[in-house]
C-alpha atoms as a PDB file:
ATOM      1  CA  UNK A   1      71.838  21.347 160.965  1.00  0.00           C
ATOM      2  CA  UNK A   2      69.550  18.979 162.791  1.00  0.00           C
ATOM      3  CA  UNK A   3      69.868  15.231 162.271  1.00  0.00           C
ATOM      4  CA  UNK A   4      67.100  12.764 163.115  1.00  0.00           C
ATOM      5  CA  UNK A   5      67.662   9.193 162.031  1.00  0.00           C
ATOM      6  CA  UNK A   6      68.455   9.527 158.272  1.00  0.00           C
ATOM      7  CA  UNK A   7      66.776  12.934 158.007  1.00  0.00           C
ATOM      8  CA  UNK A   8      68.970  16.021 157.859  1.00  0.00           C
ATOM      9  CA  UNK A   9      67.497  19.490 158.251  1.00  0.00           C
ATOM     10  CA  UNK A  10      69.610  22.260 156.758  1.00  0.00           C
ATOM     11  CA  UNK A  11      68.171  25.066 158.876  1.00  0.00           C
ATOM     12  CA  UNK A  12      69.976  27.910 157.102  1.00  0.00           C
ATOM     13  CA  UNK A  13      68.837  26.807 153.628  1.00  0.00           C
ATOM     14  CA  UNK A  14      65.427  25.467 154.759  1.00  0.00           C
ATOM     15  CA  UNK A  15      66.014  22.119 153.027  1.00  0.00           C
ATOM     16  CA  UNK A  16      65.232  18.589 154.215  1.00  0.00           C
ATOM     17  CA  UNK A  17      67.346  15.632 153.114  1.00  0.00           C
ATOM     18  CA  UNK A  18      66.762  11.917 153.548  1.00  0.00           C
ATOM     19  CA  UNK A  19      69.772   9.665 152.910  1.00  0.00           C
ATOM     20  CA  UNK A  20      71.480  12.662 151.281  1.00  0.00           C
ATOM     21  CA  UNK A  21      68.623  13.189 148.791  1.00  0.00           C
ATOM     22  CA  UNK A  22      66.646  16.405 148.948  1.00  0.00           C
ATOM     23  CA  UNK A  23      62.948  16.087 149.761  1.00  0.00           C
ATOM     24  CA  UNK A  24      61.130  18.839 147.899  1.00  0.00           C
ATOM     25  CA  UNK A  25      58.778  20.543 150.339  1.00  0.00           C
ATOM     26  CA  UNK A  26      56.830  23.769 150.138  1.00  0.00           C
ATOM     27  CA  UNK A  27      57.766  26.527 152.579  1.00  0.00           C
ATOM     28  CA  UNK A  28      54.804  25.671 154.832  1.00  0.00           C
ATOM     29  CA  UNK A  29      55.538  21.937 154.746  1.00  0.00           C
ATOM     30  CA  UNK A  30      59.163  22.575 155.660  1.00  0.00           C
ATOM     31  CA  UNK A  31      58.194  24.943 158.494  1.00  0.00           C
ATOM     32  CA  UNK A  32      55.891  22.300 159.997  1.00  0.00           C
ATOM     33  CA  UNK A  33      58.623  19.633 159.796  1.00  0.00           C
ATOM     34  CA  UNK A  34      61.258  21.942 161.259  1.00  0.00           C
ATOM     35  CA  UNK A  35      59.001  22.937 164.155  1.00  0.00           C
ATOM     36  CA  UNK A  36      58.168  19.301 164.926  1.00  0.00           C
ATOM     37  CA  UNK A  37      61.817  18.179 164.794  1.00  0.00           C
ATOM     38  CA  UNK A  38      62.878  21.042 167.049  1.00  0.00           C
ATOM     39  CA  UNK A  39      60.219  19.847 169.512  1.00  0.00           C
ATOM     40  CA  UNK A  40      60.834  16.142 168.984  1.00  0.00           C
ATOM     41  CA  UNK A  41      58.399  13.699 170.608  1.00  0.00           C
ATOM     42  CA  UNK A  42      56.140  16.491 171.894  1.00  0.00           C
ATOM     43  CA  UNK A  43      52.546  16.323 170.712  1.00  0.00           C
ATOM     44  CA  UNK A  44      50.945  19.432 169.202  1.00  0.00           C
ATOM     45  CA  UNK A  45      47.302  19.988 168.332  1.00  0.00           C
ATOM     46  CA  UNK A  46      46.309  21.515 165.004  1.00  0.00           C
ATOM     47  CA  UNK A  47      45.597  24.818 166.762  1.00  0.00           C
ATOM     48  CA  UNK A  48      49.026  24.800 168.419  1.00  0.00           C
ATOM     49  CA  UNK A  49      50.727  24.125 165.080  1.00  0.00           C
ATOM     50  CA  UNK A  50      48.883  27.042 163.477  1.00  0.00           C
ATOM     51  CA  UNK A  51      49.878  29.354 166.331  1.00  0.00           C
ATOM     52  CA  UNK A  52      53.497  28.222 166.686  1.00  0.00           C
ATOM     53  CA  UNK A  53      54.364  27.734 163.006  1.00  0.00           C
ATOM     54  CA  UNK A  54      52.277  30.390 161.280  1.00  0.00           C
ATOM     55  CA  UNK A  55      51.487  32.852 164.089  1.00  0.00           C
ATOM     56  CA  UNK A  56      48.246  34.366 165.315  1.00  0.00           C
ATOM     57  CA  UNK A  57      47.627  36.452 162.191  1.00  0.00           C
ATOM     58  CA  UNK A  58      47.840  33.482 159.875  1.00  0.00           C
ATOM     59  CA  UNK A  59      45.172  32.692 157.320  1.00  0.00           C
ATOM     60  CA  UNK A  60      45.813  28.998 157.936  1.00  0.00           C
ATOM     61  CA  UNK A  61      43.164  26.819 159.494  1.00  0.00           C
ATOM     62  CA  UNK A  62      42.995  23.254 160.789  1.00  0.00           C
ATOM     63  CA  UNK A  63      42.087  21.800 157.398  1.00  0.00           C
ATOM     64  CA  UNK A  64      45.146  23.478 155.851  1.00  0.00           C
ATOM     65  CA  UNK A  65      47.422  21.903 158.473  1.00  0.00           C
ATOM     66  CA  UNK A  66      45.858  18.481 157.859  1.00  0.00           C
ATOM     67  CA  UNK A  67      46.438  18.925 154.119  1.00  0.00           C
ATOM     68  CA  UNK A  68      50.079  19.935 154.700  1.00  0.00           C
ATOM     69  CA  UNK A  69      50.632  16.854 156.897  1.00  0.00           C
ATOM     70  CA  UNK A  70      49.027  14.632 154.237  1.00  0.00           C
ATOM     71  CA  UNK A  71      51.292  16.148 151.562  1.00  0.00           C
ATOM     72  CA  UNK A  72      54.400  15.786 153.734  1.00  0.00           C
ATOM     73  CA  UNK A  73      53.610  12.121 154.332  1.00  0.00           C
ATOM     74  CA  UNK A  74      53.096  11.544 150.602  1.00  0.00           C
ATOM     75  CA  UNK A  75      56.467  13.142 149.841  1.00  0.00           C
ATOM     76  CA  UNK A  76      58.156  11.055 152.544  1.00  0.00           C
ATOM     77  CA  UNK A  77      56.567   7.822 151.296  1.00  0.00           C
ATOM     78  CA  UNK A  78      59.825   6.968 149.485  1.00  0.00           C
ATOM     79  CA  UNK A  79      61.601   6.972 152.858  1.00  0.00           C
ATOM     80  CA  UNK A  80      61.814   3.860 154.974  1.00  0.00           C
ATOM     81  CA  UNK A  81      60.109   5.659 157.855  1.00  0.00           C
ATOM     82  CA  UNK A  82      57.225   8.025 158.464  1.00  0.00           C
ATOM     83  CA  UNK A  83      58.472  10.420 161.138  1.00  0.00           C
ATOM     84  CA  UNK A  84      55.228  12.341 161.706  1.00  0.00           C
ATOM     85  CA  UNK A  85      52.973  10.346 163.981  1.00  0.00           C
ATOM     86  CA  UNK A  86      49.303  11.046 164.580  1.00  0.00           C
ATOM     87  CA  UNK A  87      48.370  10.899 168.248  1.00  0.00           C
ATOM     88  CA  UNK A  88      44.678  10.121 168.017  1.00  0.00           C
ATOM     89  CA  UNK A  89      42.436  12.820 169.449  1.00  0.00           C
ATOM     90  CA  UNK A  90      45.372  15.104 170.260  1.00  0.00           C
ATOM     91  CA  UNK A  91      47.575  16.005 167.295  1.00  0.00           C
ATOM     92  CA  UNK A  92      50.950  15.255 165.725  1.00  0.00           C
ATOM     93  CA  UNK A  93      54.554  14.669 166.748  1.00  0.00           C
ATOM     94  CA  UNK A  94      57.936  13.901 165.168  1.00  0.00           C
ATOM     95  CA  UNK A  95      58.731  10.419 166.409  1.00  0.00           C
ATOM     96  CA  UNK A  96      62.259   9.495 165.294  1.00  0.00           C
END
């Protein structure tokens, strides 16, 4: 388990909780969140996220990552905080 503020990552089950309520994420959305939390406060470009989360052979592209981030933020809207921060001109980081 990884705990960040009121977020709990159940690594073995690949589930994210906020205040003990499960946040329903797709596999890709969860993988992005888990990678960012494991590398807390480090900034990653879209290209780095594709490489590190999905690997070199992935069919994902930058627009897919942007869409995943948008969807994650929408699903986390119910939470008091938005943990994924955009660092303008660079990329994204988990900032809690």
